[in-house]
Amino acid sequence: MSTTCCSPISRSSRLGVPPDVVVEVISPTTVWNDLGRKKATFARFGVPEYWLLDPHIERMERHSLTASPYQLTLSAGPSDTFESIVLSGFACEVAGLFPW
């Protein structure tokens, strides 16, 4: 796992369209912010998929903006394959995300 920080993007450099996917790694200290304020903000801006990766319970969830608010459309554990709806062809084995 890694954290990358960078300078804020200037307003004139922004694309003006939402990303296809936002991925959050859940931390016990930020889980309520991830599931509350951030999730609502991503929905408001029209991000089609919101993925939550929880290393503590080795689970990955896909929340889809088929309607507002997001709907949980996939909950995958270590023995499952995680797939995206909006990123055609993307799939990963959840166990590979947790090498420990």
PDB file of N, CA and C in Angstrom:
ATOM      1  N   MET A   1       0.840  -1.148   0.000  1.00  0.00           N
ATOM      2  CA  MET A   1       0.000   0.000   0.000  1.00  0.00           C
ATOM      3  C   MET A   1       0.904   1.234   0.000  1.00  0.00           C
ATOM      4  N   SER A   2       0.451   2.265  -0.634  1.00  0.00           N
ATOM      5  CA  SER A   2       1.213   3.503  -0.655  1.00  0.00           C
ATOM      6  C   SER A   2       0.270   4.684  -0.678  1.00  0.00           C
ATOM      7  N   THR A   3       0.807   5.805  -0.291  1.00  0.00           N
ATOM      8  CA  THR A   3       0.059   7.049  -0.337  1.00  0.00           C
ATOM      9  C   THR A   3       0.810   7.990  -1.253  1.00  0.00           C
ATOM     10  N   THR A   4       0.107   8.618  -2.150  1.00  0.00           N
ATOM     11  CA  THR A   4       0.720   9.584  -3.046  1.00  0.00           C
ATOM     12  C   THR A   4       0.058  10.928  -2.827  1.00  0.00           C
ATOM     13  N   CYS A   5       0.859  11.928  -2.580  1.00  0.00           N
ATOM     14  CA  CYS A   5       0.341  13.284  -2.403  1.00  0.00           C
ATOM     15  C   CYS A   5       0.936  14.156  -3.503  1.00  0.00           C
ATOM     16  N   CYS A   6       0.139  15.040  -3.990  1.00  0.00           N
ATOM     17  CA  CYS A   6       0.639  15.941  -5.022  1.00  0.00           C
ATOM     18  C   CYS A   6      -0.009  17.306  -4.846  1.00  0.00           C
ATOM     19  N   SER A   7       0.472  18.238  -5.594  1.00  0.00           N
ATOM     20  CA  SER A   7      -0.069  19.592  -5.531  1.00  0.00           C
ATOM     21  C   SER A   7      -1.484  19.612  -6.097  1.00  0.00           C
ATOM     22  N   PRO A   8      -2.332  20.496  -5.579  1.00  0.00           N
ATOM     23  CA  PRO A   8      -3.687  20.610  -6.128  1.00  0.00           C
ATOM     24  C   PRO A   8      -3.647  20.994  -7.608  1.00  0.00           C
ATOM     25  N   ILE A   9      -4.608  20.497  -8.366  1.00  0.00           N
ATOM     26  CA  ILE A   9      -4.709  20.818  -9.787  1.00  0.00           C
ATOM     27  C   ILE A   9      -5.421  22.159  -9.922  1.00  0.00           C
ATOM     28  N   SER A  10      -4.847  23.055 -10.707  1.00  0.00           N
ATOM     29  CA  SER A  10      -5.471  24.366 -10.879  1.00  0.00           C
ATOM     30  C   SER A  10      -6.804  24.214 -11.594  1.00  0.00           C
ATOM     31  N   ARG A  11      -7.732  25.097 -11.327  1.00  0.00           N
ATOM     32  CA  ARG A  11      -9.064  25.038 -11.945  1.00  0.00           C
ATOM     33  C   ARG A  11      -8.984  25.057 -13.471  1.00  0.00           C
ATOM     34  N   SER A  12      -8.054  25.807 -14.027  1.00  0.00           N
ATOM     35  CA  SER A  12      -7.949  25.901 -15.486  1.00  0.00           C
ATOM     36  C   SER A  12      -7.425  24.606 -16.116  1.00  0.00           C
ATOM     37  N   SER A  13      -6.769  23.745 -15.322  1.00  0.00           N
ATOM     38  CA  SER A  13      -6.223  22.487 -15.836  1.00  0.00           C
ATOM     39  C   SER A  13      -7.172  21.303 -15.682  1.00  0.00           C
ATOM     40  N   ARG A  14      -8.250  21.480 -14.962  1.00  0.00           N
ATOM     41  CA  ARG A  14      -9.180  20.376 -14.723  1.00  0.00           C
ATOM     42  C   ARG A  14      -9.960  20.038 -15.983  1.00  0.00           C
ATOM     43  N   LEU A  15     -10.311  18.771 -16.121  1.00  0.00           N
ATOM     44  CA  LEU A  15     -11.018  18.304 -17.309  1.00  0.00           C
ATOM     45  C   LEU A  15     -12.495  18.673 -17.318  1.00  0.00           C
ATOM     46  N   GLY A  16     -13.109  18.787 -16.164  1.00  0.00           N
ATOM     47  CA  GLY A  16     -14.521  19.136 -16.111  1.00  0.00           C
ATOM     48  C   GLY A  16     -15.452  17.942 -16.222  1.00  0.00           C
ATOM     49  N   VAL A  17     -14.897  16.738 -16.214  1.00  0.00           N
ATOM     50  CA  VAL A  17     -15.708  15.516 -16.221  1.00  0.00           C
ATOM     51  C   VAL A  17     -15.257  14.638 -15.052  1.00  0.00           C
ATOM     52  N   PRO A  18     -16.180  13.861 -14.490  1.00  0.00           N
ATOM     53  CA  PRO A  18     -15.788  13.016 -13.358  1.00  0.00           C
ATOM     54  C   PRO A  18     -14.974  11.809 -13.821  1.00  0.00           C
ATOM     55  N   PRO A  19     -14.166  11.244 -12.927  1.00  0.00           N
ATOM     56  CA  PRO A  19     -13.469  10.005 -13.274  1.00  0.00           C
ATOM     57  C   PRO A  19     -14.477   8.864 -13.397  1.00  0.00           C
ATOM     58  N   ASP A  20     -14.102   7.799 -14.087  1.00  0.00           N
ATOM     59  CA  ASP A  20     -14.976   6.633 -14.205  1.00  0.00           C
ATOM     60  C   ASP A  20     -15.095   5.891 -12.877  1.00  0.00           C
ATOM     61  N   VAL A  21     -14.003   5.892 -12.107  1.00  0.00           N
ATOM     62  CA  VAL A  21     -13.945   5.126 -10.862  1.00  0.00           C
ATOM     63  C   VAL A  21     -13.160   5.914  -9.826  1.00  0.00           C
ATOM     64  N   VAL A  22     -13.598   5.830  -8.570  1.00  0.00           N
ATOM     65  CA  VAL A  22     -12.809   6.311  -7.440  1.00  0.00           C
ATOM     66  C   VAL A  22     -12.579   5.105  -6.540  1.00  0.00           C
ATOM     67  N   VAL A  23     -11.321   4.916  -6.098  1.00  0.00           N
ATOM     68  CA  VAL A  23     -10.971   3.801  -5.221  1.00  0.00           C
ATOM     69  C   VAL A  23     -10.515   4.365  -3.887  1.00  0.00           C
ATOM     70  N   GLU A  24     -11.124   3.882  -2.808  1.00  0.00           N
ATOM     71  CA  GLU A  24     -10.749   4.292  -1.456  1.00  0.00           C
ATOM     72  C   GLU A  24     -10.259   3.076  -0.691  1.00  0.00           C
ATOM     73  N   VAL A  25      -9.134   3.208   0.007  1.00  0.00           N
ATOM     74  CA  VAL A  25      -8.680   2.189   0.944  1.00  0.00           C
ATOM     75  C   VAL A  25      -9.167   2.632   2.313  1.00  0.00           C
ATOM     76  N   ILE A  26     -10.001   1.800   2.913  1.00  0.00           N
ATOM     77  CA  ILE A  26     -10.635   2.160   4.178  1.00  0.00           C
ATOM     78  C   ILE A  26      -9.645   2.050   5.326  1.00  0.00           C
ATOM     79  N   SER A  27      -9.666   3.054   6.174  1.00  0.00           N
ATOM     80  CA  SER A  27      -8.911   3.078   7.415  1.00  0.00           C
ATOM     81  C   SER A  27      -9.918   3.212   8.547  1.00  0.00           C
ATOM     82  N   PRO A  28      -9.693   2.554   9.680  1.00  0.00           N
ATOM     83  CA  PRO A  28     -10.644   2.671  10.787  1.00  0.00           C
ATOM     84  C   PRO A  28     -10.887   4.118  11.227  1.00  0.00           C
ATOM     85  N   THR A  29      -9.898   4.969  11.042  1.00  0.00           N
ATOM     86  CA  THR A  29     -10.057   6.354  11.486  1.00  0.00           C
ATOM     87  C   THR A  29     -10.809   7.230  10.493  1.00  0.00           C
ATOM     88  N   THR A  30     -10.964   6.765   9.243  1.00  0.00           N
ATOM     89  CA  THR A  30     -11.636   7.593   8.231  1.00  0.00           C
ATOM     90  C   THR A  30     -12.856   6.936   7.602  1.00  0.00           C
ATOM     91  N   VAL A  31     -13.245   5.752   8.082  1.00  0.00           N
ATOM     92  CA  VAL A  31     -14.317   4.993   7.433  1.00  0.00           C
ATOM     93  C   VAL A  31     -15.618   5.780   7.339  1.00  0.00           C
ATOM     94  N   TRP A  32     -15.975   6.528   8.370  1.00  0.00           N
ATOM     95  CA  TRP A  32     -17.244   7.268   8.332  1.00  0.00           C
ATOM     96  C   TRP A  32     -17.179   8.420   7.343  1.00  0.00           C
ATOM     97  N   ASN A  33     -16.014   9.019   7.188  1.00  0.00           N
ATOM     98  CA  ASN A  33     -15.843  10.065   6.179  1.00  0.00           C
ATOM     99  C   ASN A  33     -15.911   9.459   4.768  1.00  0.00           C
ATOM    100  N   ASP A  34     -15.283   8.285   4.585  1.00  0.00           N
ATOM    101  CA  ASP A  34     -15.298   7.611   3.279  1.00  0.00           C
ATOM    102  C   ASP A  34     -16.709   7.206   2.877  1.00  0.00           C
ATOM    103  N   LEU A  35     -17.482   6.700   3.831  1.00  0.00           N
ATOM    104  CA  LEU A  35     -18.834   6.211   3.546  1.00  0.00           C
ATOM    105  C   LEU A  35     -19.894   7.306   3.607  1.00  0.00           C
ATOM    106  N   GLY A  36     -19.523   8.460   4.109  1.00  0.00           N
ATOM    107  CA  GLY A  36     -20.477   9.558   4.247  1.00  0.00           C
ATOM    108  C   GLY A  36     -20.210  10.697   3.286  1.00  0.00           C
ATOM    109  N   ARG A  37     -19.425  11.656   3.757  1.00  0.00           N
ATOM    110  CA  ARG A  37     -19.192  12.889   3.001  1.00  0.00           C
ATOM    111  C   ARG A  37     -18.561  12.635   1.632  1.00  0.00           C
ATOM    112  N   LYS A  38     -17.503  11.836   1.591  1.00  0.00           N
ATOM    113  CA  LYS A  38     -16.829  11.589   0.309  1.00  0.00           C
ATOM    114  C   LYS A  38     -17.748  10.873  -0.676  1.00  0.00           C
ATOM    115  N   LYS A  39     -18.422   9.835  -0.203  1.00  0.00           N
ATOM    116  CA  LYS A  39     -19.325   9.069  -1.072  1.00  0.00           C
ATOM    117  C   LYS A  39     -20.419   9.969  -1.644  1.00  0.00           C
ATOM    118  N   ALA A  40     -20.978  10.841  -0.815  1.00  0.00           N
ATOM    119  CA  ALA A  40     -22.017  11.772  -1.276  1.00  0.00           C
ATOM    120  C   ALA A  40     -21.453  12.758  -2.299  1.00  0.00           C
ATOM    121  N   THR A  41     -20.234  13.215  -2.082  1.00  0.00           N
ATOM    122  CA  THR A  41     -19.599  14.144  -3.023  1.00  0.00           C
ATOM    123  C   THR A  41     -19.367  13.474  -4.374  1.00  0.00           C
ATOM    124  N   PHE A  42     -18.863  12.244  -4.360  1.00  0.00           N
ATOM    125  CA  PHE A  42     -18.623  11.531  -5.619  1.00  0.00           C
ATOM    126  C   PHE A  42     -19.931  11.301  -6.369  1.00  0.00           C
ATOM    127  N   ALA A  43     -20.996  10.977  -5.644  1.00  0.00           N
ATOM    128  CA  ALA A  43     -22.313  10.781  -6.280  1.00  0.00           C
ATOM    129  C   ALA A  43     -22.803  12.090  -6.891  1.00  0.00           C
ATOM    130  N   ARG A  44     -22.641  13.176  -6.153  1.00  0.00           N
ATOM    131  CA  ARG A  44     -23.100  14.482  -6.639  1.00  0.00           C
ATOM    132  C   ARG A  44     -22.405  14.872  -7.939  1.00  0.00           C
ATOM    133  N   PHE A  45     -21.141  14.507  -8.074  1.00  0.00           N
ATOM    134  CA  PHE A  45     -20.390  14.843  -9.282  1.00  0.00           C
ATOM    135  C   PHE A  45     -20.500  13.779 -10.372  1.00  0.00           C
ATOM    136  N   GLY A  46     -21.252  12.713 -10.107  1.00  0.00           N
ATOM    137  CA  GLY A  46     -21.539  11.730 -11.145  1.00  0.00           C
ATOM    138  C   GLY A  46     -20.480  10.675 -11.400  1.00  0.00           C
ATOM    139  N   VAL A  47     -19.678  10.332 -10.387  1.00  0.00           N
ATOM    140  CA  VAL A  47     -18.690   9.261 -10.544  1.00  0.00           C
ATOM    141  C   VAL A  47     -19.450   7.931 -10.622  1.00  0.00           C
ATOM    142  N   PRO A  48     -19.360   7.204 -11.750  1.00  0.00           N
ATOM    143  CA  PRO A  48     -20.184   6.004 -11.936  1.00  0.00           C
ATOM    144  C   PRO A  48     -19.922   4.861 -10.954  1.00  0.00           C
ATOM    145  N   GLU A  49     -18.649   4.658 -10.560  1.00  0.00           N
ATOM    146  CA  GLU A  49     -18.336   3.584  -9.610  1.00  0.00           C
ATOM    147  C   GLU A  49     -17.445   4.097  -8.496  1.00  0.00           C
ATOM    148  N   TYR A  50     -17.745   3.623  -7.300  1.00  0.00           N
ATOM    149  CA  TYR A  50     -16.987   3.946  -6.093  1.00  0.00           C
ATOM    150  C   TYR A  50     -16.584   2.616  -5.480  1.00  0.00           C
ATOM    151  N   TRP A  51     -15.267   2.344  -5.438  1.00  0.00           N
ATOM    152  CA  TRP A  51     -14.773   1.084  -4.903  1.00  0.00           C
ATOM    153  C   TRP A  51     -14.208   1.326  -3.516  1.00  0.00           C
ATOM    154  N   LEU A  52     -14.513   0.424  -2.608  1.00  0.00           N
ATOM    155  CA  LEU A  52     -13.978   0.476  -1.253  1.00  0.00           C
ATOM    156  C   LEU A  52     -13.162  -0.783  -1.003  1.00  0.00           C
ATOM    157  N   LEU A  53     -11.928  -0.598  -0.633  1.00  0.00           N
ATOM    158  CA  LEU A  53     -11.026  -1.701  -0.330  1.00  0.00           C
ATOM    159  C   LEU A  53     -10.770  -1.681   1.167  1.00  0.00           C
ATOM    160  N   ASP A  54     -11.148  -2.759   1.863  1.00  0.00           N
ATOM    161  CA  ASP A  54     -10.980  -2.828   3.316  1.00  0.00           C
ATOM    162  C   ASP A  54      -9.946  -3.899   3.657  1.00  0.00           C
ATOM    163  N   PRO A  55      -8.703  -3.495   3.932  1.00  0.00           N
ATOM    164  CA  PRO A  55      -7.658  -4.473   4.217  1.00  0.00           C
ATOM    165  C   PRO A  55      -7.860  -5.202   5.543  1.00  0.00           C
ATOM    166  N   HIS A  56      -8.638  -4.638   6.448  1.00  0.00           N
ATOM    167  CA  HIS A  56      -8.843  -5.251   7.757  1.00  0.00           C
ATOM    168  C   HIS A  56      -9.726  -6.489   7.686  1.00  0.00           C
ATOM    169  N   ILE A  57     -10.673  -6.504   6.762  1.00  0.00           N
ATOM    170  CA  ILE A  57     -11.539  -7.678   6.603  1.00  0.00           C
ATOM    171  C   ILE A  57     -11.351  -8.335   5.232  1.00  0.00           C
ATOM    172  N   GLU A  58     -10.337  -7.882   4.503  1.00  0.00           N
ATOM    173  CA  GLU A  58      -9.989  -8.419   3.184  1.00  0.00           C
ATOM    174  C   GLU A  58     -11.217  -8.504   2.271  1.00  0.00           C
ATOM    175  N   ARG A  59     -11.823  -7.352   2.062  1.00  0.00           N
ATOM    176  CA  ARG A  59     -13.045  -7.267   1.254  1.00  0.00           C
ATOM    177  C   ARG A  59     -12.945  -6.048   0.345  1.00  0.00           C
ATOM    178  N   MET A  60     -13.533  -6.177  -0.850  1.00  0.00           N
ATOM    179  CA  MET A  60     -13.612  -5.068  -1.792  1.00  0.00           C
ATOM    180  C   MET A  60     -15.055  -4.941  -2.246  1.00  0.00           C
ATOM    181  N   GLU A  61     -15.559  -3.717  -2.231  1.00  0.00           N
ATOM    182  CA  GLU A  61     -16.946  -3.461  -2.617  1.00  0.00           C
ATOM    183  C   GLU A  61     -16.998  -2.544  -3.826  1.00  0.00           C
ATOM    184  N   ARG A  62     -17.999  -2.790  -4.661  1.00  0.00           N
ATOM    185  CA  ARG A  62     -18.273  -1.905  -5.796  1.00  0.00           C
ATOM    186  C   ARG A  62     -19.636  -1.274  -5.554  1.00  0.00           C
ATOM    187  N   HIS A  63     -19.655   0.059  -5.515  1.00  0.00           N
ATOM    188  CA  HIS A  63     -20.899   0.815  -5.387  1.00  0.00           C
ATOM    189  C   HIS A  63     -21.129   1.493  -6.732  1.00  0.00           C
ATOM    190  N   SER A  64     -22.311   1.292  -7.290  1.00  0.00           N
ATOM    191  CA  SER A  64     -22.614   1.813  -8.625  1.00  0.00           C
ATOM    192  C   SER A  64     -23.653   2.912  -8.553  1.00  0.00           C
ATOM    193  N   LEU A  65     -23.456   3.936  -9.363  1.00  0.00           N
ATOM    194  CA  LEU A  65     -24.369   5.073  -9.400  1.00  0.00           C
ATOM    195  C   LEU A  65     -25.435   4.814 -10.466  1.00  0.00           C
ATOM    196  N   THR A  66     -26.167   3.712 -10.291  1.00  0.00           N
ATOM    197  CA  THR A  66     -27.272   3.408 -11.196  1.00  0.00           C
ATOM    198  C   THR A  66     -28.467   4.279 -10.861  1.00  0.00           C
ATOM    199  N   ALA A  67     -28.500   4.717  -9.644  1.00  0.00           N
ATOM    200  CA  ALA A  67     -29.496   5.663  -9.139  1.00  0.00           C
ATOM    201  C   ALA A  67     -28.794   6.404  -8.017  1.00  0.00           C
ATOM    202  N   SER A  68     -29.355   7.487  -7.595  1.00  0.00           N
ATOM    203  CA  SER A  68     -28.737   8.203  -6.486  1.00  0.00           C
ATOM    204  C   SER A  68     -29.483   7.829  -5.225  1.00  0.00           C
ATOM    205  N   PRO A  69     -28.877   7.447  -4.180  1.00  0.00           N
ATOM    206  CA  PRO A  69     -27.434   7.350  -3.968  1.00  0.00           C
ATOM    207  C   PRO A  69     -26.872   6.052  -4.561  1.00  0.00           C
ATOM    208  N   TYR A  70     -25.580   5.825  -4.294  1.00  0.00           N
ATOM    209  CA  TYR A  70     -24.934   4.611  -4.773  1.00  0.00           C
ATOM    210  C   TYR A  70     -25.651   3.369  -4.254  1.00  0.00           C
ATOM    211  N   GLN A  71     -25.591   2.316  -5.084  1.00  0.00           N
ATOM    212  CA  GLN A  71     -26.097   1.001  -4.699  1.00  0.00           C
ATOM    213  C   GLN A  71     -24.910   0.042  -4.622  1.00  0.00           C
ATOM    214  N   LEU A  72     -24.869  -0.773  -3.571  1.00  0.00           N
ATOM    215  CA  LEU A  72     -23.846  -1.807  -3.471  1.00  0.00           C
ATOM    216  C   LEU A  72     -24.161  -2.869  -4.521  1.00  0.00           C
ATOM    217  N   THR A  73     -23.276  -3.040  -5.499  1.00  0.00           N
ATOM    218  CA  THR A  73     -23.533  -3.990  -6.581  1.00  0.00           C
ATOM    219  C   THR A  73     -22.571  -5.175  -6.575  1.00  0.00           C
ATOM    220  N   LEU A  74     -21.545  -5.138  -5.722  1.00  0.00           N
ATOM    221  CA  LEU A  74     -20.638  -6.275  -5.584  1.00  0.00           C
ATOM    222  C   LEU A  74     -19.903  -6.161  -4.262  1.00  0.00           C
ATOM    223  N   SER A  75     -19.862  -7.258  -3.525  1.00  0.00           N
ATOM    224  CA  SER A  75     -19.069  -7.358  -2.308  1.00  0.00           C
ATOM    225  C   SER A  75     -18.238  -8.624  -2.453  1.00  0.00           C
ATOM    226  N   ALA A  76     -16.926  -8.473  -2.598  1.00  0.00           N
ATOM    227  CA  ALA A  76     -16.050  -9.592  -2.931  1.00  0.00           C
ATOM    228  C   ALA A  76     -15.025  -9.839  -1.832  1.00  0.00           C
ATOM    229  N   GLY A  77     -14.882 -11.107  -1.453  1.00  0.00           N
ATOM    230  CA  GLY A  77     -13.900 -11.518  -0.461  1.00  0.00           C
ATOM    231  C   GLY A  77     -12.695 -12.163  -1.121  1.00  0.00           C
ATOM    232  N   PRO A  78     -11.773 -12.699  -0.306  1.00  0.00           N
ATOM    233  CA  PRO A  78     -10.519 -13.240  -0.825  1.00  0.00           C
ATOM    234  C   PRO A  78     -10.662 -14.353  -1.864  1.00  0.00           C
ATOM    235  N   SER A  79     -11.744 -15.101  -1.836  1.00  0.00           N
ATOM    236  CA  SER A  79     -11.905 -16.191  -2.807  1.00  0.00           C
ATOM    237  C   SER A  79     -12.664 -15.753  -4.061  1.00  0.00           C
ATOM    238  N   ASP A  80     -12.941 -14.456  -4.172  1.00  0.00           N
ATOM    239  CA  ASP A  80     -13.754 -13.934  -5.275  1.00  0.00           C
ATOM    240  C   ASP A  80     -12.927 -13.156  -6.294  1.00  0.00           C
ATOM    241  N   THR A  81     -13.534 -12.939  -7.447  1.00  0.00           N
ATOM    242  CA  THR A  81     -12.985 -12.067  -8.478  1.00  0.00           C
ATOM    243  C   THR A  81     -13.781 -10.767  -8.455  1.00  0.00           C
ATOM    244  N   PHE A  82     -13.070  -9.653  -8.436  1.00  0.00           N
ATOM    245  CA  PHE A  82     -13.707  -8.334  -8.439  1.00  0.00           C
ATOM    246  C   PHE A  82     -13.735  -7.834  -9.874  1.00  0.00           C
ATOM    247  N   GLU A  83     -14.893  -7.374 -10.318  1.00  0.00           N
ATOM    248  CA  GLU A  83     -15.029  -6.862 -11.683  1.00  0.00           C
ATOM    249  C   GLU A  83     -15.679  -5.491 -11.676  1.00  0.00           C
ATOM    250  N   SER A  84     -15.304  -4.700 -12.655  1.00  0.00           N
ATOM    251  CA  SER A  84     -15.904  -3.383 -12.848  1.00  0.00           C
ATOM    252  C   SER A  84     -16.996  -3.477 -13.898  1.00  0.00           C
ATOM    253  N   ILE A  85     -17.992  -2.626 -13.761  1.00  0.00           N
ATOM    254  CA  ILE A  85     -19.012  -2.496 -14.798  1.00  0.00           C
ATOM    255  C   ILE A  85     -18.559  -1.463 -15.830  1.00  0.00           C
ATOM    256  N   VAL A  86     -18.030  -0.334 -15.357  1.00  0.00           N
ATOM    257  CA  VAL A  86     -17.682   0.759 -16.275  1.00  0.00           C
ATOM    258  C   VAL A  86     -16.321   0.588 -16.946  1.00  0.00           C
ATOM    259  N   LEU A  87     -15.401  -0.146 -16.325  1.00  0.00           N
ATOM    260  CA  LEU A  87     -14.093  -0.408 -16.933  1.00  0.00           C
ATOM    261  C   LEU A  87     -14.164  -1.784 -17.583  1.00  0.00           C
ATOM    262  N   SER A  88     -14.668  -1.816 -18.776  1.00  0.00           N
ATOM    263  CA  SER A  88     -14.907  -3.064 -19.496  1.00  0.00           C
ATOM    264  C   SER A  88     -13.650  -3.935 -19.534  1.00  0.00           C
ATOM    265  N   GLY A  89     -13.791  -5.177 -19.071  1.00  0.00           N
ATOM    266  CA  GLY A  89     -12.680  -6.112 -19.083  1.00  0.00           C
ATOM    267  C   GLY A  89     -11.828  -6.110 -17.837  1.00  0.00           C
ATOM    268  N   PHE A  90     -12.025  -5.145 -16.937  1.00  0.00           N
ATOM    269  CA  PHE A  90     -11.212  -5.112 -15.721  1.00  0.00           C
ATOM    270  C   PHE A  90     -11.720  -6.153 -14.736  1.00  0.00           C
ATOM    271  N   ALA A  91     -10.805  -6.979 -14.254  1.00  0.00           N
ATOM    272  CA  ALA A  91     -11.111  -7.957 -13.213  1.00  0.00           C
ATOM    273  C   ALA A  91      -9.832  -8.242 -12.442  1.00  0.00           C
ATOM    274  N   CYS A  92      -9.959  -8.520 -11.154  1.00  0.00           N
ATOM    275  CA  CYS A  92      -8.801  -8.903 -10.357  1.00  0.00           C
ATOM    276  C   CYS A  92      -9.240  -9.886  -9.277  1.00  0.00           C
ATOM    277  N   GLU A  93      -8.309 -10.752  -8.917  1.00  0.00           N
ATOM    278  CA  GLU A  93      -8.551 -11.682  -7.822  1.00  0.00           C
ATOM    279  C   GLU A  93      -8.337 -10.911  -6.525  1.00  0.00           C
ATOM    280  N   VAL A  94      -9.336 -10.893  -5.672  1.00  0.00           N
ATOM    281  CA  VAL A  94      -9.259 -10.112  -4.435  1.00  0.00           C
ATOM    282  C   VAL A  94      -8.112 -10.603  -3.557  1.00  0.00           C
ATOM    283  N   ALA A  95      -7.859 -11.906  -3.523  1.00  0.00           N
ATOM    284  CA  ALA A  95      -6.769 -12.453  -2.708  1.00  0.00           C
ATOM    285  C   ALA A  95      -5.423 -11.830  -3.070  1.00  0.00           C
ATOM    286  N   GLY A  96      -5.236 -11.455  -4.327  1.00  0.00           N
ATOM    287  CA  GLY A  96      -3.988 -10.842  -4.760  1.00  0.00           C
ATOM    288  C   GLY A  96      -3.753  -9.450  -4.193  1.00  0.00           C
ATOM    289  N   LEU A  97      -4.810  -8.826  -3.679  1.00  0.00           N
ATOM    290  CA  LEU A  97      -4.687  -7.495  -3.085  1.00  0.00           C
ATOM    291  C   LEU A  97      -4.202  -7.558  -1.644  1.00  0.00           C
ATOM    292  N   PHE A  98      -4.263  -8.756  -1.062  1.00  0.00           N
ATOM    293  CA  PHE A  98      -3.897  -8.944   0.341  1.00  0.00           C
ATOM    294  C   PHE A  98      -2.842 -10.045   0.426  1.00  0.00           C
ATOM    295  N   PRO A  99      -1.576  -9.717   0.170  1.00  0.00           N
ATOM    296  CA  PRO A  99      -0.534 -10.738   0.089  1.00  0.00           C
ATOM    297  C   PRO A  99      -0.115 -11.333   1.432  1.00  0.00           C
ATOM    298  N   TRP A 100      -0.633 -10.793   2.513  1.00  0.00           N
ATOM    299  CA  TRP A 100      -0.205 -11.299   3.815  1.00  0.00           C
ATOM    300  C   TRP A 100      -0.920 -12.527   4.183  1.00  0.00           C
TER     301      TRP A 100
END
